[in-house]
Amino acid sequence: MKASLYLVLATLFWSGNFIVAQAAVASMTPMDLTFWRWALAAVPLLLLAHFVEKPDWRAVLRRWPVLLLLSVLGMSGYTLLLYGALGHTSAMNASLITAANPALIVVLAMVLTGERTTRLGWLGICLGLLGVLLVLTRGELQRVISLSLNIGELLMIGAIFVWGCYTIIARRLGLPAIAATAVQVAIAAVTLAPVALATNVRLPETPAEAWSLAYIVVFPSLGAYLLWNLALKTTPSGTAGNYLNLIVVFTAVITVAMGTPLTLVQIAGGVLVIAGVLLTGLRGQTKPPAIAAPGPASCTASNAQAPKA
């Protein structure tokens, strides 16, 4: 029961990131939000990892090349694309596109590692793709042919592609989840610093900006990761992964509560995406590749599945 509560709260915090960041990018740049998010979260995450997981830091740091690659993909790349997208599309649309991540990861795993999926898995992938297309085209599928898509939604597609690549690599990392995440966050803060200086990154100048950044640092960056990893101590990773579907639900609830109605197309797209994820993740489990890959995927689900929104 406690683990379930932790998972629900973690997904709620990640959902809030879509809403809060959409408001914040009206006056702050994606680089402002990305740099300060990781710069302010780095030390607290390192402390959390040290006291919760008690990792062998030398063993963790020996994997610095892959941690650097993961940081560029998952921390810098994904977050910049996400915040850039939220400047041009709604939080609801962004969360719906993000919900297609599990199906995309299955496809990338088939292409990159030789994994295979079942017929139900393919059906789930197709349903998820159809749901995303409905959201992207606002129900006018002919817009795909004319390429008249919103730049924000295209950036969001780029974000989930980057996250899919991150996930494929992170599945085989084999390091304590919070420690690996904390090191990646610290690397992101350091590597983004020169770019932040060159682009004159700034701290929040208004109370609204300060509260937005505070939420992003405390809840989706610190609280969600801690709760997610505490839950994984007693919850199978597959079960935990299904809770990620709540991100769309919570985003929809918050959006409606704030006075923005959902469209029929968004509702239909969301139903198709979630149905596709369930088919892909529950009954459409991937089969082993024809040639076994070296070593089992040993990292925890927080590295393998959590969206780091």
C-alpha atoms as a PDB file:
ATOM      1  CA  MET A   1       0.000   0.000   0.000  1.00  0.00           C
ATOM      2  CA  LYS A   2       2.811   2.401   0.896  1.00  0.00           C
ATOM      3  CA  ALA A   3       4.679   1.555  -2.332  1.00  0.00           C
ATOM      4  CA  SER A   4       1.553   2.250  -4.386  1.00  0.00           C
ATOM      5  CA  LEU A   5       1.182   5.632  -2.720  1.00  0.00           C
ATOM      6  CA  TYR A   6       4.826   6.431  -3.511  1.00  0.00           C
ATOM      7  CA  LEU A   7       4.307   5.536  -7.194  1.00  0.00           C
ATOM      8  CA  VAL A   8       1.123   7.610  -7.443  1.00  0.00           C
ATOM      9  CA  LEU A   9       2.841  10.633  -5.878  1.00  0.00           C
ATOM     10  CA  ALA A  10       5.874  10.268  -8.158  1.00  0.00           C
ATOM     11  CA  THR A  11       3.706  10.300 -11.278  1.00  0.00           C
ATOM     12  CA  LEU A  12       1.705  13.227  -9.881  1.00  0.00           C
ATOM     13  CA  PHE A  13       4.913  15.220  -9.406  1.00  0.00           C
ATOM     14  CA  TRP A  14       6.053  14.421 -12.963  1.00  0.00           C
ATOM     15  CA  SER A  15       2.625  15.435 -14.282  1.00  0.00           C
ATOM     16  CA  GLY A  16       2.937  18.759 -12.491  1.00  0.00           C
ATOM     17  CA  ASN A  17       6.195  19.387 -14.313  1.00  0.00           C
ATOM     18  CA  PHE A  18       4.318  19.589 -17.623  1.00  0.00           C
ATOM     19  CA  ILE A  19       1.857  22.137 -16.227  1.00  0.00           C
ATOM     20  CA  VAL A  20       4.349  24.268 -14.299  1.00  0.00           C
ATOM     21  CA  ALA A  21       6.999  24.246 -17.026  1.00  0.00           C
ATOM     22  CA  GLN A  22       4.453  25.307 -19.646  1.00  0.00           C
ATOM     23  CA  ALA A  23       3.717  28.400 -17.574  1.00  0.00           C
ATOM     24  CA  ALA A  24       7.406  29.011 -16.840  1.00  0.00           C
ATOM     25  CA  VAL A  25       8.570  28.960 -20.482  1.00  0.00           C
ATOM     26  CA  ALA A  26       6.372  31.967 -21.159  1.00  0.00           C
ATOM     27  CA  SER A  27       9.058  34.117 -19.506  1.00  0.00           C
ATOM     28  CA  MET A  28      12.085  31.807 -19.025  1.00  0.00           C
ATOM     29  CA  THR A  29      14.032  30.026 -21.758  1.00  0.00           C
ATOM     30  CA  PRO A  30      14.380  26.209 -21.934  1.00  0.00           C
ATOM     31  CA  MET A  31      18.070  26.659 -21.099  1.00  0.00           C
ATOM     32  CA  ASP A  32      17.214  28.727 -18.002  1.00  0.00           C
ATOM     33  CA  LEU A  33      14.936  25.975 -16.714  1.00  0.00           C
ATOM     34  CA  THR A  34      17.165  23.063 -17.707  1.00  0.00           C
ATOM     35  CA  PHE A  35      20.405  24.458 -16.293  1.00  0.00           C
ATOM     36  CA  TRP A  36      18.998  25.619 -12.970  1.00  0.00           C
ATOM     37  CA  ARG A  37      16.887  22.480 -12.584  1.00  0.00           C
ATOM     38  CA  TRP A  38      19.964  20.246 -12.658  1.00  0.00           C
ATOM     39  CA  ALA A  39      22.394  22.679 -11.032  1.00  0.00           C
ATOM     40  CA  LEU A  40      20.140  23.055  -7.980  1.00  0.00           C
ATOM     41  CA  ALA A  41      19.171  19.354  -7.845  1.00  0.00           C
ATOM     42  CA  ALA A  42      22.674  17.880  -8.200  1.00  0.00           C
ATOM     43  CA  VAL A  43      23.922  18.123  -4.592  1.00  0.00           C
ATOM     44  CA  PRO A  44      20.637  17.023  -2.940  1.00  0.00           C
ATOM     45  CA  LEU A  45      20.429  14.029  -5.324  1.00  0.00           C
ATOM     46  CA  LEU A  46      24.026  13.045  -4.568  1.00  0.00           C
ATOM     47  CA  LEU A  47      23.245  13.196  -0.843  1.00  0.00           C
ATOM     48  CA  LEU A  48      20.065  11.139  -1.325  1.00  0.00           C
ATOM     49  CA  ALA A  49      22.024   8.510  -3.228  1.00  0.00           C
ATOM     50  CA  HIS A  50      24.750   8.415  -0.600  1.00  0.00           C
ATOM     51  CA  PHE A  51      22.414   7.899   2.357  1.00  0.00           C
ATOM     52  CA  VAL A  52      19.660   5.819   0.701  1.00  0.00           C
ATOM     53  CA  GLU A  53      21.738   3.487  -1.504  1.00  0.00           C
ATOM     54  CA  LYS A  54      25.223   3.793   0.046  1.00  0.00           C
ATOM     55  CA  PRO A  55      26.863   3.053  -3.338  1.00  0.00           C
ATOM     56  CA  ASP A  56      30.489   2.298  -4.139  1.00  0.00           C
ATOM     57  CA  TRP A  57      31.226   5.703  -5.660  1.00  0.00           C
ATOM     58  CA  ARG A  58      34.508   4.549  -7.224  1.00  0.00           C
ATOM     59  CA  ALA A  59      32.669   1.793  -9.095  1.00  0.00           C
ATOM     60  CA  VAL A  60      30.018   4.280 -10.198  1.00  0.00           C
ATOM     61  CA  LEU A  61      32.552   6.839 -11.452  1.00  0.00           C
ATOM     62  CA  ARG A  62      34.490   4.187 -13.382  1.00  0.00           C
ATOM     63  CA  ARG A  63      31.484   4.138 -15.726  1.00  0.00           C
ATOM     64  CA  TRP A  64      31.843   7.845 -16.494  1.00  0.00           C
ATOM     65  CA  PRO A  65      31.869   7.488 -20.332  1.00  0.00           C
ATOM     66  CA  VAL A  66      28.431   5.869 -20.460  1.00  0.00           C
ATOM     67  CA  LEU A  67      27.156   8.150 -17.678  1.00  0.00           C
ATOM     68  CA  LEU A  68      28.292  11.150 -19.759  1.00  0.00           C
ATOM     69  CA  LEU A  69      26.404   9.817 -22.791  1.00  0.00           C
ATOM     70  CA  LEU A  70      23.291   9.181 -20.691  1.00  0.00           C
ATOM     71  CA  SER A  71      23.514  12.663 -19.186  1.00  0.00           C
ATOM     72  CA  VAL A  72      23.677  14.272 -22.641  1.00  0.00           C
ATOM     73  CA  LEU A  73      20.674  12.245 -23.805  1.00  0.00           C
ATOM     74  CA  GLY A  74      18.420  12.027 -20.764  1.00  0.00           C
ATOM     75  CA  MET A  75      19.233  15.122 -18.746  1.00  0.00           C
ATOM     76  CA  SER A  76      20.326  17.776 -21.231  1.00  0.00           C
ATOM     77  CA  GLY A  77      18.767  16.589 -24.505  1.00  0.00           C
ATOM     78  CA  TYR A  78      15.400  15.334 -23.287  1.00  0.00           C
ATOM     79  CA  THR A  79      14.805  18.208 -20.881  1.00  0.00           C
ATOM     80  CA  LEU A  80      15.736  20.940 -23.374  1.00  0.00           C
ATOM     81  CA  LEU A  81      13.460  19.378 -25.998  1.00  0.00           C
ATOM     82  CA  LEU A  82      10.629  18.983 -23.467  1.00  0.00           C
ATOM     83  CA  TYR A  83      10.786  22.581 -22.270  1.00  0.00           C
ATOM     84  CA  GLY A  84      11.217  23.802 -25.839  1.00  0.00           C
ATOM     85  CA  ALA A  85       8.102  21.848 -26.855  1.00  0.00           C
ATOM     86  CA  LEU A  86       6.052  23.276 -23.988  1.00  0.00           C
ATOM     87  CA  GLY A  87       6.641  26.740 -25.400  1.00  0.00           C
ATOM     88  CA  HIS A  88       4.658  25.759 -28.495  1.00  0.00           C
ATOM     89  CA  THR A  89       2.159  23.078 -27.464  1.00  0.00           C
ATOM     90  CA  SER A  90      -0.072  22.311 -24.504  1.00  0.00           C
ATOM     91  CA  ALA A  91       0.973  20.311 -21.471  1.00  0.00           C
ATOM     92  CA  MET A  92      -1.849  17.867 -22.282  1.00  0.00           C
ATOM     93  CA  ASN A  93      -0.584  17.201 -25.802  1.00  0.00           C
ATOM     94  CA  ALA A  94       2.994  16.846 -24.539  1.00  0.00           C
ATOM     95  CA  SER A  95       1.937  14.289 -21.923  1.00  0.00           C
ATOM     96  CA  LEU A  96      -0.088  12.331 -24.497  1.00  0.00           C
ATOM     97  CA  ILE A  97       2.916  12.109 -26.804  1.00  0.00           C
ATOM     98  CA  THR A  98       5.106  11.108 -23.854  1.00  0.00           C
ATOM     99  CA  ALA A  99       2.676   8.298 -23.049  1.00  0.00           C
ATOM    100  CA  ALA A 100       3.715   6.612 -26.302  1.00  0.00           C
ATOM    101  CA  ASN A 101       7.240   6.190 -24.920  1.00  0.00           C
ATOM    102  CA  PRO A 102       6.875   2.518 -23.870  1.00  0.00           C
ATOM    103  CA  ALA A 103       5.745   1.491 -27.350  1.00  0.00           C
ATOM    104  CA  LEU A 104       8.563   3.512 -28.948  1.00  0.00           C
ATOM    105  CA  ILE A 105      11.075   1.848 -26.635  1.00  0.00           C
ATOM    106  CA  VAL A 106       9.848  -1.584 -27.782  1.00  0.00           C
ATOM    107  CA  VAL A 107      10.408  -0.547 -31.421  1.00  0.00           C
ATOM    108  CA  LEU A 108      13.879   0.853 -30.686  1.00  0.00           C
ATOM    109  CA  ALA A 109      14.790  -2.320 -28.780  1.00  0.00           C
ATOM    110  CA  MET A 110      13.800  -4.397 -31.813  1.00  0.00           C
ATOM    111  CA  VAL A 111      15.906  -2.215 -34.123  1.00  0.00           C
ATOM    112  CA  LEU A 112      18.933  -1.764 -31.871  1.00  0.00           C
ATOM    113  CA  THR A 113      19.130  -5.001 -29.848  1.00  0.00           C
ATOM    114  CA  GLY A 114      17.197  -7.551 -31.900  1.00  0.00           C
ATOM    115  CA  GLU A 115      14.344  -8.012 -29.441  1.00  0.00           C
ATOM    116  CA  ARG A 116      11.027  -9.215 -30.857  1.00  0.00           C
ATOM    117  CA  THR A 117       7.471  -8.652 -29.769  1.00  0.00           C
ATOM    118  CA  THR A 118       4.198 -10.570 -30.093  1.00  0.00           C
ATOM    119  CA  ARG A 119       1.208  -9.831 -32.289  1.00  0.00           C
ATOM    120  CA  LEU A 120      -0.487  -8.180 -29.329  1.00  0.00           C
ATOM    121  CA  GLY A 121       2.634  -6.085 -28.884  1.00  0.00           C
ATOM    122  CA  TRP A 122       2.426  -4.937 -32.501  1.00  0.00           C
ATOM    123  CA  LEU A 123      -1.259  -4.157 -32.044  1.00  0.00           C
ATOM    124  CA  GLY A 124      -0.385  -2.050 -29.003  1.00  0.00           C
ATOM    125  CA  ILE A 125       2.318  -0.194 -30.951  1.00  0.00           C
ATOM    126  CA  CYS A 126      -0.120   0.551 -33.781  1.00  0.00           C
ATOM    127  CA  LEU A 127      -2.819   1.764 -31.371  1.00  0.00           C
ATOM    128  CA  GLY A 128      -0.341   4.008 -29.585  1.00  0.00           C
ATOM    129  CA  LEU A 129       0.873   5.431 -32.904  1.00  0.00           C
ATOM    130  CA  LEU A 130      -2.696   6.100 -34.025  1.00  0.00           C
ATOM    131  CA  GLY A 131      -3.440   7.865 -30.721  1.00  0.00           C
ATOM    132  CA  VAL A 132      -0.382  10.102 -31.067  1.00  0.00           C
ATOM    133  CA  LEU A 133      -1.273  10.889 -34.693  1.00  0.00           C
ATOM    134  CA  LEU A 134      -4.768  11.925 -33.615  1.00  0.00           C
ATOM    135  CA  VAL A 135      -3.288  14.330 -31.076  1.00  0.00           C
ATOM    136  CA  LEU A 136      -0.661  15.677 -33.505  1.00  0.00           C
ATOM    137  CA  THR A 137      -3.157  16.305 -36.297  1.00  0.00           C
ATOM    138  CA  ARG A 138      -6.094  17.289 -34.048  1.00  0.00           C
ATOM    139  CA  GLY A 139      -8.129  14.582 -35.760  1.00  0.00           C
ATOM    140  CA  GLU A 140      -7.194  15.653 -39.278  1.00  0.00           C
ATOM    141  CA  LEU A 141      -4.876  12.804 -40.310  1.00  0.00           C
ATOM    142  CA  GLN A 142      -4.293  14.364 -43.752  1.00  0.00           C
ATOM    143  CA  ARG A 143      -2.112  16.949 -41.983  1.00  0.00           C
ATOM    144  CA  VAL A 144       0.591  14.252 -41.734  1.00  0.00           C
ATOM    145  CA  ILE A 145       0.841  14.201 -45.528  1.00  0.00           C
ATOM    146  CA  SER A 146       1.001  17.979 -45.773  1.00  0.00           C
ATOM    147  CA  LEU A 147       3.514  18.109 -42.891  1.00  0.00           C
ATOM    148  CA  SER A 148       1.554  20.908 -41.231  1.00  0.00           C
ATOM    149  CA  LEU A 149       2.423  19.861 -37.694  1.00  0.00           C
ATOM    150  CA  ASN A 150       3.010  22.085 -34.671  1.00  0.00           C
ATOM    151  CA  ILE A 151       6.712  22.724 -33.964  1.00  0.00           C
ATOM    152  CA  GLY A 152       6.155  21.994 -30.280  1.00  0.00           C
ATOM    153  CA  GLU A 153       4.722  18.562 -31.005  1.00  0.00           C
ATOM    154  CA  LEU A 154       7.610  17.815 -33.378  1.00  0.00           C
ATOM    155  CA  LEU A 155      10.034  18.769 -30.593  1.00  0.00           C
ATOM    156  CA  MET A 156       8.107  16.440 -28.269  1.00  0.00           C
ATOM    157  CA  ILE A 157       8.518  13.582 -30.746  1.00  0.00           C
ATOM    158  CA  GLY A 158      12.244  14.329 -30.732  1.00  0.00           C
ATOM    159  CA  ALA A 159      12.200  14.300 -26.931  1.00  0.00           C
ATOM    160  CA  ILE A 160      10.642  10.837 -26.648  1.00  0.00           C
ATOM    161  CA  PHE A 161      13.003   9.492 -29.335  1.00  0.00           C
ATOM    162  CA  VAL A 162      15.989  10.768 -27.330  1.00  0.00           C
ATOM    163  CA  TRP A 163      14.458   9.276 -24.191  1.00  0.00           C
ATOM    164  CA  GLY A 164      13.960   5.935 -25.947  1.00  0.00           C
ATOM    165  CA  CYS A 165      17.655   5.805 -26.868  1.00  0.00           C
ATOM    166  CA  TYR A 166      18.525   6.765 -23.286  1.00  0.00           C
ATOM    167  CA  THR A 167      16.402   3.914 -21.967  1.00  0.00           C
ATOM    168  CA  ILE A 168      17.938   1.274 -24.227  1.00  0.00           C
ATOM    169  CA  ILE A 169      21.419   2.213 -22.985  1.00  0.00           C
ATOM    170  CA  ALA A 170      20.406   2.673 -19.331  1.00  0.00           C
ATOM    171  CA  ARG A 171      18.781  -0.780 -19.118  1.00  0.00           C
ATOM    172  CA  ARG A 172      22.243  -2.356 -19.175  1.00  0.00           C
ATOM    173  CA  LEU A 173      23.960   0.140 -16.900  1.00  0.00           C
ATOM    174  CA  GLY A 174      23.894  -2.074 -13.813  1.00  0.00           C
ATOM    175  CA  LEU A 175      24.437   0.710 -11.251  1.00  0.00           C
ATOM    176  CA  PRO A 176      22.346   1.842  -8.255  1.00  0.00           C
ATOM    177  CA  ALA A 177      19.527   3.916  -9.737  1.00  0.00           C
ATOM    178  CA  ILE A 178      19.649   7.062  -7.588  1.00  0.00           C
ATOM    179  CA  ALA A 179      23.470   7.168  -7.659  1.00  0.00           C
ATOM    180  CA  ALA A 180      23.543   6.819 -11.454  1.00  0.00           C
ATOM    181  CA  THR A 181      20.872   9.496 -11.815  1.00  0.00           C
ATOM    182  CA  ALA A 182      22.663  11.842  -9.403  1.00  0.00           C
ATOM    183  CA  VAL A 183      25.958  11.556 -11.285  1.00  0.00           C
ATOM    184  CA  GLN A 184      24.192  12.185 -14.597  1.00  0.00           C
ATOM    185  CA  VAL A 185      22.532  15.273 -13.103  1.00  0.00           C
ATOM    186  CA  ALA A 186      25.887  16.564 -11.813  1.00  0.00           C
ATOM    187  CA  ILE A 187      27.463  15.972 -15.243  1.00  0.00           C
ATOM    188  CA  ALA A 188      24.584  17.846 -16.891  1.00  0.00           C
ATOM    189  CA  ALA A 189      25.067  20.835 -14.592  1.00  0.00           C
ATOM    190  CA  VAL A 190      28.800  20.955 -15.390  1.00  0.00           C
ATOM    191  CA  THR A 191      28.535  20.399 -19.149  1.00  0.00           C
ATOM    192  CA  LEU A 192      25.673  22.878 -19.535  1.00  0.00           C
ATOM    193  CA  ALA A 193      27.489  25.588 -17.551  1.00  0.00           C
ATOM    194  CA  PRO A 194      29.541  26.981 -20.510  1.00  0.00           C
ATOM    195  CA  VAL A 195      26.427  27.072 -22.715  1.00  0.00           C
ATOM    196  CA  ALA A 196      24.474  28.705 -19.889  1.00  0.00           C
ATOM    197  CA  LEU A 197      27.136  31.409 -19.546  1.00  0.00           C
ATOM    198  CA  ALA A 198      27.298  31.972 -23.296  1.00  0.00           C
ATOM    199  CA  THR A 199      23.523  32.361 -23.533  1.00  0.00           C
ATOM    200  CA  ASN A 200      23.295  34.607 -20.455  1.00  0.00           C
ATOM    201  CA  VAL A 201      21.166  32.183 -18.491  1.00  0.00           C
ATOM    202  CA  ARG A 202      19.370  33.965 -15.676  1.00  0.00           C
ATOM    203  CA  LEU A 203      17.816  33.184 -12.339  1.00  0.00           C
ATOM    204  CA  PRO A 204      14.088  33.785 -11.795  1.00  0.00           C
ATOM    205  CA  GLU A 205      13.242  37.482 -11.542  1.00  0.00           C
ATOM    206  CA  THR A 206       9.625  37.291 -10.384  1.00  0.00           C
ATOM    207  CA  PRO A 207       7.922  35.341  -7.567  1.00  0.00           C
ATOM    208  CA  ALA A 208       6.019  33.267 -10.170  1.00  0.00           C
ATOM    209  CA  GLU A 209       9.259  32.245 -11.892  1.00  0.00           C
ATOM    210  CA  ALA A 210      10.904  31.447  -8.555  1.00  0.00           C
ATOM    211  CA  TRP A 211       8.014  29.257  -7.414  1.00  0.00           C
ATOM    212  CA  SER A 212       7.955  27.465 -10.784  1.00  0.00           C
ATOM    213  CA  LEU A 213      11.655  26.660 -10.594  1.00  0.00           C
ATOM    214  CA  ALA A 214      11.348  25.633  -6.946  1.00  0.00           C
ATOM    215  CA  TYR A 215       8.586  23.178  -7.844  1.00  0.00           C
ATOM    216  CA  ILE A 216      10.618  21.733 -10.739  1.00  0.00           C
ATOM    217  CA  VAL A 217      13.677  21.209  -8.525  1.00  0.00           C
ATOM    218  CA  VAL A 218      11.916  19.887  -5.408  1.00  0.00           C
ATOM    219  CA  PHE A 219       9.101  17.723  -6.765  1.00  0.00           C
ATOM    220  CA  PRO A 220       9.824  16.168 -10.197  1.00  0.00           C
ATOM    221  CA  SER A 221      13.631  16.299  -9.770  1.00  0.00           C
ATOM    222  CA  LEU A 222      14.062  15.226  -6.122  1.00  0.00           C
ATOM    223  CA  GLY A 223      10.793  13.979  -4.628  1.00  0.00           C
ATOM    224  CA  ALA A 224       9.658  11.872  -7.586  1.00  0.00           C
ATOM    225  CA  TYR A 225      13.001  10.076  -7.935  1.00  0.00           C
ATOM    226  CA  LEU A 226      13.221   9.304  -4.225  1.00  0.00           C
ATOM    227  CA  LEU A 227       9.624   8.020  -4.041  1.00  0.00           C
ATOM    228  CA  TRP A 228       9.997   6.007  -7.252  1.00  0.00           C
ATOM    229  CA  ASN A 229      13.136   4.246  -6.026  1.00  0.00           C
ATOM    230  CA  LEU A 230      11.732   3.601  -2.546  1.00  0.00           C
ATOM    231  CA  ALA A 231       8.697   1.959  -4.182  1.00  0.00           C
ATOM    232  CA  LEU A 232      10.907  -0.233  -6.375  1.00  0.00           C
ATOM    233  CA  LYS A 233      12.321  -1.925  -3.272  1.00  0.00           C
ATOM    234  CA  THR A 234       9.036  -3.832  -2.912  1.00  0.00           C
ATOM    235  CA  THR A 235       7.388  -3.431  -6.342  1.00  0.00           C
ATOM    236  CA  PRO A 236       8.304  -5.299  -9.575  1.00  0.00           C
ATOM    237  CA  SER A 237       9.577  -2.978 -12.282  1.00  0.00           C
ATOM    238  CA  GLY A 238       6.838  -4.020 -14.733  1.00  0.00           C
ATOM    239  CA  THR A 239       4.137  -3.167 -12.197  1.00  0.00           C
ATOM    240  CA  ALA A 240       5.780   0.160 -11.422  1.00  0.00           C
ATOM    241  CA  GLY A 241       6.038   0.970 -15.123  1.00  0.00           C
ATOM    242  CA  ASN A 242       2.266   0.714 -15.510  1.00  0.00           C
ATOM    243  CA  TYR A 243       1.852   3.592 -13.056  1.00  0.00           C
ATOM    244  CA  LEU A 244       3.451   5.887 -15.659  1.00  0.00           C
ATOM    245  CA  ASN A 245       0.108   5.873 -17.469  1.00  0.00           C
ATOM    246  CA  LEU A 246      -1.161   8.038 -14.610  1.00  0.00           C
ATOM    247  CA  ILE A 247       0.899  10.946 -15.945  1.00  0.00           C
ATOM    248  CA  VAL A 248      -1.626  11.494 -18.732  1.00  0.00           C
ATOM    249  CA  VAL A 249      -4.527  11.081 -16.303  1.00  0.00           C
ATOM    250  CA  PHE A 250      -3.127  13.542 -13.756  1.00  0.00           C
ATOM    251  CA  THR A 251      -2.198  16.047 -16.469  1.00  0.00           C
ATOM    252  CA  ALA A 252      -5.748  15.859 -17.825  1.00  0.00           C
ATOM    253  CA  VAL A 253      -7.257  16.352 -14.366  1.00  0.00           C
ATOM    254  CA  ILE A 254      -5.002  19.340 -13.597  1.00  0.00           C
ATOM    255  CA  THR A 255      -5.678  20.844 -17.032  1.00  0.00           C
ATOM    256  CA  VAL A 256      -9.442  20.609 -16.569  1.00  0.00           C
ATOM    257  CA  ALA A 257      -9.215  21.892 -12.993  1.00  0.00           C
ATOM    258  CA  MET A 258      -7.381  24.955 -14.288  1.00  0.00           C
ATOM    259  CA  GLY A 259     -10.264  25.697 -16.653  1.00  0.00           C
ATOM    260  CA  THR A 260      -8.948  24.311 -19.952  1.00  0.00           C
ATOM    261  CA  PRO A 261     -11.412  21.772 -21.375  1.00  0.00           C
ATOM    262  CA  LEU A 262     -10.220  18.608 -23.099  1.00  0.00           C
ATOM    263  CA  THR A 263     -11.174  18.081 -26.709  1.00  0.00           C
ATOM    264  CA  LEU A 264     -12.789  14.892 -27.978  1.00  0.00           C
ATOM    265  CA  VAL A 265      -9.684  14.254 -30.089  1.00  0.00           C
ATOM    266  CA  GLN A 266      -7.426  14.481 -27.014  1.00  0.00           C
ATOM    267  CA  ILE A 267      -9.649  12.074 -25.100  1.00  0.00           C
ATOM    268  CA  ALA A 268      -9.774   9.593 -28.004  1.00  0.00           C
ATOM    269  CA  GLY A 269      -6.029   9.883 -28.549  1.00  0.00           C
ATOM    270  CA  GLY A 270      -5.341   9.359 -24.854  1.00  0.00           C
ATOM    271  CA  VAL A 271      -7.517   6.237 -24.720  1.00  0.00           C
ATOM    272  CA  LEU A 272      -5.737   4.758 -27.756  1.00  0.00           C
ATOM    273  CA  VAL A 273      -2.275   5.574 -26.380  1.00  0.00           C
ATOM    274  CA  ILE A 274      -2.980   4.067 -22.952  1.00  0.00           C
ATOM    275  CA  ALA A 275      -4.615   0.983 -24.513  1.00  0.00           C
ATOM    276  CA  GLY A 276      -1.575   0.576 -26.724  1.00  0.00           C
ATOM    277  CA  VAL A 277       0.806   0.883 -23.779  1.00  0.00           C
ATOM    278  CA  LEU A 278      -1.122  -1.728 -21.800  1.00  0.00           C
ATOM    279  CA  LEU A 279      -1.087  -4.185 -24.709  1.00  0.00           C
ATOM    280  CA  THR A 280       2.601  -3.581 -25.354  1.00  0.00           C
ATOM    281  CA  GLY A 281       3.675  -3.697 -21.725  1.00  0.00           C
ATOM    282  CA  LEU A 282       1.384  -6.345 -20.225  1.00  0.00           C
ATOM    283  CA  ARG A 283       0.439  -8.958 -22.784  1.00  0.00           C
ATOM    284  CA  GLY A 284       2.768  -7.986 -25.578  1.00  0.00           C
ATOM    285  CA  GLN A 285       5.995  -8.627 -23.726  1.00  0.00           C
ATOM    286  CA  THR A 286       9.061  -8.774 -25.912  1.00  0.00           C
ATOM    287  CA  LYS A 287      10.599 -12.115 -26.751  1.00  0.00           C
ATOM    288  CA  PRO A 288      14.323 -12.697 -26.352  1.00  0.00           C
ATOM    289  CA  PRO A 289      16.383 -11.738 -29.389  1.00  0.00           C
ATOM    290  CA  ALA A 290      17.415 -14.465 -31.779  1.00  0.00           C
ATOM    291  CA  ILE A 291      21.037 -14.001 -30.685  1.00  0.00           C
ATOM    292  CA  ALA A 292      21.358 -13.433 -26.958  1.00  0.00           C
ATOM    293  CA  ALA A 293      22.770 -10.090 -25.977  1.00  0.00           C
ATOM    294  CA  PRO A 294      25.751 -10.164 -23.586  1.00  0.00           C
ATOM    295  CA  GLY A 295      24.605  -9.927 -19.992  1.00  0.00           C
ATOM    296  CA  PRO A 296      21.154  -9.318 -18.479  1.00  0.00           C
ATOM    297  CA  ALA A 297      19.602  -5.888 -18.171  1.00  0.00           C
ATOM    298  CA  SER A 298      20.308  -5.288 -14.520  1.00  0.00           C
ATOM    299  CA  CYS A 299      19.495  -1.650 -13.860  1.00  0.00           C
ATOM    300  CA  THR A 300      16.336  -0.771 -12.007  1.00  0.00           C
ATOM    301  CA  ALA A 301      13.125   0.457 -13.536  1.00  0.00           C
ATOM    302  CA  SER A 302      13.790   4.025 -12.516  1.00  0.00           C
ATOM    303  CA  ASN A 303      16.575   4.107 -15.055  1.00  0.00           C
ATOM    304  CA  ALA A 304      14.728   1.905 -17.516  1.00  0.00           C
ATOM    305  CA  GLN A 305      11.290   3.427 -17.474  1.00  0.00           C
ATOM    306  CA  ALA A 306      10.915   6.604 -15.468  1.00  0.00           C
ATOM    307  CA  PRO A 307      10.306   9.539 -17.789  1.00  0.00           C
ATOM    308  CA  LYS A 308      12.303  12.155 -15.974  1.00  0.00           C
ATOM    309  CA  ALA A 309       9.751  14.726 -16.990  1.00  0.00           C
END
